[in-house]
Amino acid sequence: MKSPLPYKILLPAKIEEEKKYPVIFVMHGIGSNEENVLSLVQELRDDFILIGIRGPLNQGNGFAYFTIQGYGNPHRDIFDESIAKLEKFIDYAAQTYPIDENHQYLLGFSQGAILSMTLALTMGNKIKGIVALNGYVPQFVKEEYRIKRIDDVSIYISHGEFDPIFPLQIGKENKDFFTERSQNVRFTTYPVGHEVSHENQKDFVKWVYQDLNSSK
């Protein structure tokens, strides 16, 4: 089976035969790449399979997963296609690598956060948890997508208090939207702009480990 998207995978140093491992699929922001976003999760490498998924579109010196018509408004056809490819990629990875399908996590920044939140809604409890850093849920996803139950999905949402691209109010709306659908939502803010602070990184790494251990 051929991968529907380019990617880079980092396996734990000591892979045990017949053992399945939790996985984190990481998705970058517009104009970035899989290497940059993988750097956010290096501390999890001993215990997780880490997979950085590259967006299929060229964007400056990097890549993107979709294009936009304007603020908060992705081109619907390209966005739909990207979601479909990402769902297929997650299935492809589970068939190709020793992944524990009960512990599949998504992590994304900006465009990657938008996709992580959307995939949680379209894939439902097939996903164990998401980390969404400075993103939003498109209105057409809320209104027109077939949203699945996410009762058992753990949600970590963070936002920069001074984000000039996606104002803090969007982060609060994300929290409210997911709190209505999941029992396990954590929302944090940090005194930064459209970026991931070191404190934020430390917090979500700790959260991922806590969530993983609580479900074993």
C-alpha atoms as a PDB file:
ATOM      1  CA  MET A   1       0.000   0.000   0.000  1.00  0.00           C
ATOM      2  CA  LYS A   2       1.415   3.361  -1.032  1.00  0.00           C
ATOM      3  CA  SER A   3       1.326   6.293   1.350  1.00  0.00           C
ATOM      4  CA  PRO A   4      -1.149   9.013   0.310  1.00  0.00           C
ATOM      5  CA  LEU A   5       1.151  11.720   1.739  1.00  0.00           C
ATOM      6  CA  PRO A   6       4.905  12.280   2.245  1.00  0.00           C
ATOM      7  CA  TYR A   7       6.092  11.718   5.818  1.00  0.00           C
ATOM      8  CA  LYS A   8       8.985  11.123   8.164  1.00  0.00           C
ATOM      9  CA  ILE A   9       8.813   8.484  10.884  1.00  0.00           C
ATOM     10  CA  LEU A  10      10.839   8.191  14.085  1.00  0.00           C
ATOM     11  CA  LEU A  11      10.633   4.803  15.803  1.00  0.00           C
ATOM     12  CA  PRO A  12      11.602   4.113  19.430  1.00  0.00           C
ATOM     13  CA  ALA A  13      15.260   3.114  19.698  1.00  0.00           C
ATOM     14  CA  LYS A  14      14.412  -0.305  21.090  1.00  0.00           C
ATOM     15  CA  ILE A  15      11.543  -1.884  19.168  1.00  0.00           C
ATOM     16  CA  GLU A  16      10.290  -5.112  20.717  1.00  0.00           C
ATOM     17  CA  GLU A  17       8.902  -7.805  18.452  1.00  0.00           C
ATOM     18  CA  GLU A  18       5.138  -8.304  18.597  1.00  0.00           C
ATOM     19  CA  LYS A  19       4.718  -5.132  20.659  1.00  0.00           C
ATOM     20  CA  LYS A  20       2.407  -2.323  19.542  1.00  0.00           C
ATOM     21  CA  TYR A  21       3.329   1.284  20.282  1.00  0.00           C
ATOM     22  CA  PRO A  22       1.297   4.450  20.798  1.00  0.00           C
ATOM     23  CA  VAL A  23       1.678   6.910  17.940  1.00  0.00           C
ATOM     24  CA  ILE A  24       1.591  10.661  17.511  1.00  0.00           C
ATOM     25  CA  PHE A  25       0.826  12.015  14.051  1.00  0.00           C
ATOM     26  CA  VAL A  26       2.168  15.570  13.869  1.00  0.00           C
ATOM     27  CA  MET A  27       1.121  18.233  11.361  1.00  0.00           C
ATOM     28  CA  HIS A  28       2.889  21.501  10.649  1.00  0.00           C
ATOM     29  CA  GLY A  29       1.745  25.048   9.973  1.00  0.00           C
ATOM     30  CA  ILE A  30       1.565  26.775   6.590  1.00  0.00           C
ATOM     31  CA  GLY A  31       4.970  27.260   4.977  1.00  0.00           C
ATOM     32  CA  SER A  32       6.655  24.799   7.352  1.00  0.00           C
ATOM     33  CA  ASN A  33       7.482  21.101   7.122  1.00  0.00           C
ATOM     34  CA  GLU A  34       7.425  17.814   8.982  1.00  0.00           C
ATOM     35  CA  GLU A  35      10.936  18.269  10.397  1.00  0.00           C
ATOM     36  CA  ASN A  36       9.995  21.456  12.239  1.00  0.00           C
ATOM     37  CA  VAL A  37       6.915  20.010  13.886  1.00  0.00           C
ATOM     38  CA  LEU A  38       8.643  16.750  14.819  1.00  0.00           C
ATOM     39  CA  SER A  39      11.042  18.824  16.911  1.00  0.00           C
ATOM     40  CA  LEU A  40       8.130  19.603  19.250  1.00  0.00           C
ATOM     41  CA  VAL A  41       7.687  15.962  20.252  1.00  0.00           C
ATOM     42  CA  GLN A  42      11.259  14.652  20.463  1.00  0.00           C
ATOM     43  CA  GLU A  43      10.884  14.064  24.214  1.00  0.00           C
ATOM     44  CA  LEU A  44       8.274  11.389  23.485  1.00  0.00           C
ATOM     45  CA  ARG A  45      10.502   9.398  21.164  1.00  0.00           C
ATOM     46  CA  ASP A  46      11.430   6.616  23.600  1.00  0.00           C
ATOM     47  CA  ASP A  47       7.824   5.569  24.080  1.00  0.00           C
ATOM     48  CA  PHE A  48       5.942   6.660  20.969  1.00  0.00           C
ATOM     49  CA  ILE A  49       6.146   6.214  17.244  1.00  0.00           C
ATOM     50  CA  LEU A  50       6.391   9.766  15.899  1.00  0.00           C
ATOM     51  CA  ILE A  51       5.166  10.490  12.379  1.00  0.00           C
ATOM     52  CA  GLY A  52       5.497  13.908  10.788  1.00  0.00           C
ATOM     53  CA  ILE A  53       3.101  14.301   7.860  1.00  0.00           C
ATOM     54  CA  ARG A  54       4.057  16.766   5.146  1.00  0.00           C
ATOM     55  CA  GLY A  55       1.393  18.888   3.496  1.00  0.00           C
ATOM     56  CA  PRO A  56       0.978  18.085  -0.217  1.00  0.00           C
ATOM     57  CA  LEU A  57       1.022  21.713  -1.433  1.00  0.00           C
ATOM     58  CA  ASN A  58       4.111  23.845  -1.989  1.00  0.00           C
ATOM     59  CA  GLN A  59       4.028  27.038   0.080  1.00  0.00           C
ATOM     60  CA  GLY A  60       7.067  29.318  -0.065  1.00  0.00           C
ATOM     61  CA  ASN A  61      10.062  27.374   1.220  1.00  0.00           C
ATOM     62  CA  GLY A  62       7.764  24.865   2.891  1.00  0.00           C
ATOM     63  CA  PHE A  63       4.406  23.187   2.475  1.00  0.00           C
ATOM     64  CA  ALA A  64       0.706  23.469   3.256  1.00  0.00           C
ATOM     65  CA  TYR A  65      -2.248  21.099   3.570  1.00  0.00           C
ATOM     66  CA  PHE A  66      -4.856  23.481   2.138  1.00  0.00           C
ATOM     67  CA  THR A  67      -5.342  26.994   0.805  1.00  0.00           C
ATOM     68  CA  ILE A  68      -7.634  29.685   2.172  1.00  0.00           C
ATOM     69  CA  GLN A  69     -10.079  32.206   0.723  1.00  0.00           C
ATOM     70  CA  GLY A  70      -9.655  34.476   3.716  1.00  0.00           C
ATOM     71  CA  TYR A  71      -9.442  34.528   7.501  1.00  0.00           C
ATOM     72  CA  GLY A  72     -10.912  31.344   8.931  1.00  0.00           C
ATOM     73  CA  ASN A  73     -12.212  30.218   5.558  1.00  0.00           C
ATOM     74  CA  PRO A  74     -10.330  27.373   3.812  1.00  0.00           C
ATOM     75  CA  HIS A  75     -11.102  26.454   0.207  1.00  0.00           C
ATOM     76  CA  ARG A  76     -13.650  23.737   0.889  1.00  0.00           C
ATOM     77  CA  ASP A  77     -12.727  21.305  -1.890  1.00  0.00           C
ATOM     78  CA  ILE A  78      -9.008  21.352  -1.069  1.00  0.00           C
ATOM     79  CA  PHE A  79      -9.701  21.104   2.654  1.00  0.00           C
ATOM     80  CA  ASP A  80     -12.040  18.133   2.149  1.00  0.00           C
ATOM     81  CA  GLU A  81      -9.414  16.400   0.027  1.00  0.00           C
ATOM     82  CA  SER A  82      -6.740  16.978   2.669  1.00  0.00           C
ATOM     83  CA  ILE A  83      -8.927  15.509   5.415  1.00  0.00           C
ATOM     84  CA  ALA A  84      -9.636  12.449   3.239  1.00  0.00           C
ATOM     85  CA  LYS A  85      -5.912  11.939   2.551  1.00  0.00           C
ATOM     86  CA  LEU A  86      -5.033  12.283   6.222  1.00  0.00           C
ATOM     87  CA  GLU A  87      -7.646   9.711   7.233  1.00  0.00           C
ATOM     88  CA  LYS A  88      -6.232   7.336   4.619  1.00  0.00           C
ATOM     89  CA  PHE A  89      -2.710   8.050   5.844  1.00  0.00           C
ATOM     90  CA  ILE A  90      -3.622   7.146   9.425  1.00  0.00           C
ATOM     91  CA  ASP A  91      -5.034   3.838   8.172  1.00  0.00           C
ATOM     92  CA  TYR A  92      -1.940   3.289   6.023  1.00  0.00           C
ATOM     93  CA  ALA A  93       0.393   3.856   8.981  1.00  0.00           C
ATOM     94  CA  ALA A  94      -1.529   1.416  11.186  1.00  0.00           C
ATOM     95  CA  GLN A  95      -1.166  -1.257   8.516  1.00  0.00           C
ATOM     96  CA  THR A  96       2.523  -0.542   7.941  1.00  0.00           C
ATOM     97  CA  TYR A  97       4.008   0.002  11.410  1.00  0.00           C
ATOM     98  CA  PRO A  98       3.551  -1.601  14.868  1.00  0.00           C
ATOM     99  CA  ILE A  99       0.967   0.958  15.991  1.00  0.00           C
ATOM    100  CA  ASP A 100      -1.397   0.478  18.901  1.00  0.00           C
ATOM    101  CA  GLU A 101      -4.649   1.656  17.313  1.00  0.00           C
ATOM    102  CA  ASN A 102      -6.164   2.243  20.754  1.00  0.00           C
ATOM    103  CA  HIS A 103      -3.587   4.952  21.411  1.00  0.00           C
ATOM    104  CA  GLN A 104      -3.426   7.163  18.332  1.00  0.00           C
ATOM    105  CA  TYR A 105      -2.762  10.847  19.001  1.00  0.00           C
ATOM    106  CA  LEU A 106      -2.776  13.873  16.698  1.00  0.00           C
ATOM    107  CA  LEU A 107      -0.743  17.015  17.286  1.00  0.00           C
ATOM    108  CA  GLY A 108      -0.717  20.099  15.121  1.00  0.00           C
ATOM    109  CA  PHE A 109       0.214  23.761  15.047  1.00  0.00           C
ATOM    110  CA  SER A 110      -1.867  26.341  13.131  1.00  0.00           C
ATOM    111  CA  GLN A 111      -3.002  24.483   9.967  1.00  0.00           C
ATOM    112  CA  GLY A 112      -2.002  21.296  11.751  1.00  0.00           C
ATOM    113  CA  ALA A 113      -4.184  22.250  14.727  1.00  0.00           C
ATOM    114  CA  ILE A 114      -7.125  22.967  12.420  1.00  0.00           C
ATOM    115  CA  LEU A 115      -6.709  19.526  10.885  1.00  0.00           C
ATOM    116  CA  SER A 116      -6.182  17.786  14.249  1.00  0.00           C
ATOM    117  CA  MET A 117      -9.440  19.167  15.613  1.00  0.00           C
ATOM    118  CA  THR A 118     -11.320  18.360  12.410  1.00  0.00           C
ATOM    119  CA  LEU A 119      -9.956  14.810  12.266  1.00  0.00           C
ATOM    120  CA  ALA A 120     -11.002  14.229  15.864  1.00  0.00           C
ATOM    121  CA  LEU A 121     -14.542  15.136  14.808  1.00  0.00           C
ATOM    122  CA  THR A 122     -14.545  13.005  11.641  1.00  0.00           C
ATOM    123  CA  MET A 123     -12.760   9.967  13.108  1.00  0.00           C
ATOM    124  CA  GLY A 124     -14.300  10.115  16.567  1.00  0.00           C
ATOM    125  CA  ASN A 125     -13.170   7.620  19.189  1.00  0.00           C
ATOM    126  CA  LYS A 126     -10.764   6.028  16.709  1.00  0.00           C
ATOM    127  CA  ILE A 127      -8.462   8.802  17.938  1.00  0.00           C
ATOM    128  CA  LYS A 128      -7.290   8.643  21.562  1.00  0.00           C
ATOM    129  CA  GLY A 129      -6.351  12.293  21.915  1.00  0.00           C
ATOM    130  CA  ILE A 130      -5.314  15.505  20.187  1.00  0.00           C
ATOM    131  CA  VAL A 131      -3.038  18.443  20.919  1.00  0.00           C
ATOM    132  CA  ALA A 132      -4.229  21.523  19.019  1.00  0.00           C
ATOM    133  CA  LEU A 133      -1.883  24.523  19.151  1.00  0.00           C
ATOM    134  CA  ASN A 134      -3.225  27.874  17.885  1.00  0.00           C
ATOM    135  CA  GLY A 135      -5.919  26.796  15.434  1.00  0.00           C
ATOM    136  CA  TYR A 136      -9.678  26.875  14.834  1.00  0.00           C
ATOM    137  CA  VAL A 137     -12.508  24.664  13.600  1.00  0.00           C
ATOM    138  CA  PRO A 138     -13.878  25.895  10.242  1.00  0.00           C
ATOM    139  CA  GLN A 139     -17.541  26.855  10.394  1.00  0.00           C
ATOM    140  CA  PHE A 140     -18.453  24.493   7.559  1.00  0.00           C
ATOM    141  CA  VAL A 141     -16.953  21.622   9.571  1.00  0.00           C
ATOM    142  CA  LYS A 142     -19.206  22.483  12.526  1.00  0.00           C
ATOM    143  CA  GLU A 143     -22.292  22.910  10.357  1.00  0.00           C
ATOM    144  CA  GLU A 144     -21.916  20.462   7.464  1.00  0.00           C
ATOM    145  CA  TYR A 145     -19.484  17.682   8.351  1.00  0.00           C
ATOM    146  CA  ARG A 146     -20.741  14.403   9.742  1.00  0.00           C
ATOM    147  CA  ILE A 147     -19.393  14.729  13.258  1.00  0.00           C
ATOM    148  CA  LYS A 148     -18.819  11.560  15.271  1.00  0.00           C
ATOM    149  CA  ARG A 149     -19.002  11.078  19.004  1.00  0.00           C
ATOM    150  CA  ILE A 150     -15.810  12.034  20.811  1.00  0.00           C
ATOM    151  CA  ASP A 151     -16.792  11.040  24.354  1.00  0.00           C
ATOM    152  CA  ASP A 152     -13.550   9.142  24.867  1.00  0.00           C
ATOM    153  CA  VAL A 153     -11.240  11.528  22.996  1.00  0.00           C
ATOM    154  CA  SER A 154      -8.869  13.543  25.186  1.00  0.00           C
ATOM    155  CA  ILE A 155      -8.463  17.133  24.026  1.00  0.00           C
ATOM    156  CA  TYR A 156      -5.590  19.515  24.744  1.00  0.00           C
ATOM    157  CA  ILE A 157      -6.066  22.988  23.270  1.00  0.00           C
ATOM    158  CA  SER A 158      -3.651  25.851  23.751  1.00  0.00           C
ATOM    159  CA  HIS A 159      -3.504  29.357  22.357  1.00  0.00           C
ATOM    160  CA  GLY A 160      -1.197  32.366  22.378  1.00  0.00           C
ATOM    161  CA  GLU A 161      -2.705  35.268  24.300  1.00  0.00           C
ATOM    162  CA  PHE A 162      -1.281  37.735  21.776  1.00  0.00           C
ATOM    163  CA  ASP A 163      -1.771  35.692  18.611  1.00  0.00           C
ATOM    164  CA  PRO A 164      -2.160  38.274  15.790  1.00  0.00           C
ATOM    165  CA  ILE A 165      -3.401  35.682  13.280  1.00  0.00           C
ATOM    166  CA  PHE A 166      -5.994  33.764  15.303  1.00  0.00           C
ATOM    167  CA  PRO A 167      -7.101  35.960  18.237  1.00  0.00           C
ATOM    168  CA  LEU A 168      -7.391  34.424  21.703  1.00  0.00           C
ATOM    169  CA  GLN A 169     -11.196  34.442  21.456  1.00  0.00           C
ATOM    170  CA  ILE A 170     -10.912  31.666  18.855  1.00  0.00           C
ATOM    171  CA  GLY A 171      -9.069  29.493  21.342  1.00  0.00           C
ATOM    172  CA  LYS A 172     -11.858  30.064  23.874  1.00  0.00           C
ATOM    173  CA  GLU A 173     -14.441  29.118  21.239  1.00  0.00           C
ATOM    174  CA  ASN A 174     -12.497  25.919  20.560  1.00  0.00           C
ATOM    175  CA  LYS A 175     -12.598  25.097  24.267  1.00  0.00           C
ATOM    176  CA  ASP A 176     -16.362  25.696  24.483  1.00  0.00           C
ATOM    177  CA  PHE A 177     -17.070  23.664  21.343  1.00  0.00           C
ATOM    178  CA  PHE A 178     -15.133  20.608  22.507  1.00  0.00           C
ATOM    179  CA  THR A 179     -16.240  20.836  26.141  1.00  0.00           C
ATOM    180  CA  GLU A 180     -19.783  20.234  24.912  1.00  0.00           C
ATOM    181  CA  ARG A 181     -18.632  16.971  23.310  1.00  0.00           C
ATOM    182  CA  SER A 182     -15.866  15.519  25.471  1.00  0.00           C
ATOM    183  CA  GLN A 183     -15.412  14.961  29.199  1.00  0.00           C
ATOM    184  CA  ASN A 184     -11.652  15.444  28.965  1.00  0.00           C
ATOM    185  CA  VAL A 185     -10.737  18.898  27.665  1.00  0.00           C
ATOM    186  CA  ARG A 186      -7.798  20.953  28.841  1.00  0.00           C
ATOM    187  CA  PHE A 187      -7.415  24.551  27.678  1.00  0.00           C
ATOM    188  CA  THR A 188      -4.303  26.603  28.356  1.00  0.00           C
ATOM    189  CA  THR A 189      -3.040  29.998  27.210  1.00  0.00           C
ATOM    190  CA  TYR A 190       0.461  31.418  27.084  1.00  0.00           C
ATOM    191  CA  PRO A 191       1.773  35.008  26.859  1.00  0.00           C
ATOM    192  CA  VAL A 192       3.034  34.616  23.276  1.00  0.00           C
ATOM    193  CA  GLY A 193       1.882  35.255  19.721  1.00  0.00           C
ATOM    194  CA  HIS A 194       1.355  32.699  16.946  1.00  0.00           C
ATOM    195  CA  GLU A 195       3.978  30.304  18.236  1.00  0.00           C
ATOM    196  CA  VAL A 196       4.643  27.467  20.653  1.00  0.00           C
ATOM    197  CA  SER A 197       6.493  28.486  23.812  1.00  0.00           C
ATOM    198  CA  HIS A 198       8.849  26.191  25.695  1.00  0.00           C
ATOM    199  CA  GLU A 199       6.419  26.163  28.629  1.00  0.00           C
ATOM    200  CA  ASN A 200       3.596  25.129  26.304  1.00  0.00           C
ATOM    201  CA  GLN A 201       5.732  22.324  24.906  1.00  0.00           C
ATOM    202  CA  LYS A 202       6.593  21.048  28.391  1.00  0.00           C
ATOM    203  CA  ASP A 203       2.924  21.134  29.384  1.00  0.00           C
ATOM    204  CA  PHE A 204       1.585  19.170  26.434  1.00  0.00           C
ATOM    205  CA  VAL A 205       4.350  16.544  26.652  1.00  0.00           C
ATOM    206  CA  LYS A 206       3.417  16.022  30.310  1.00  0.00           C
ATOM    207  CA  TRP A 207      -0.286  15.904  29.376  1.00  0.00           C
ATOM    208  CA  VAL A 208       0.287  13.282  26.669  1.00  0.00           C
ATOM    209  CA  TYR A 209       2.139  11.009  29.096  1.00  0.00           C
ATOM    210  CA  GLN A 210      -0.533  11.463  31.756  1.00  0.00           C
ATOM    211  CA  ASP A 211      -3.299  10.679  29.279  1.00  0.00           C
ATOM    212  CA  LEU A 212      -1.491   7.610  27.970  1.00  0.00           C
ATOM    213  CA  ASN A 213      -0.826   6.254  31.461  1.00  0.00           C
ATOM    214  CA  SER A 214      -4.384   6.897  32.641  1.00  0.00           C
ATOM    215  CA  SER A 215      -5.768   4.692  29.878  1.00  0.00           C
ATOM    216  CA  LYS A 216      -3.536   1.659  30.431  1.00  0.00           C
END
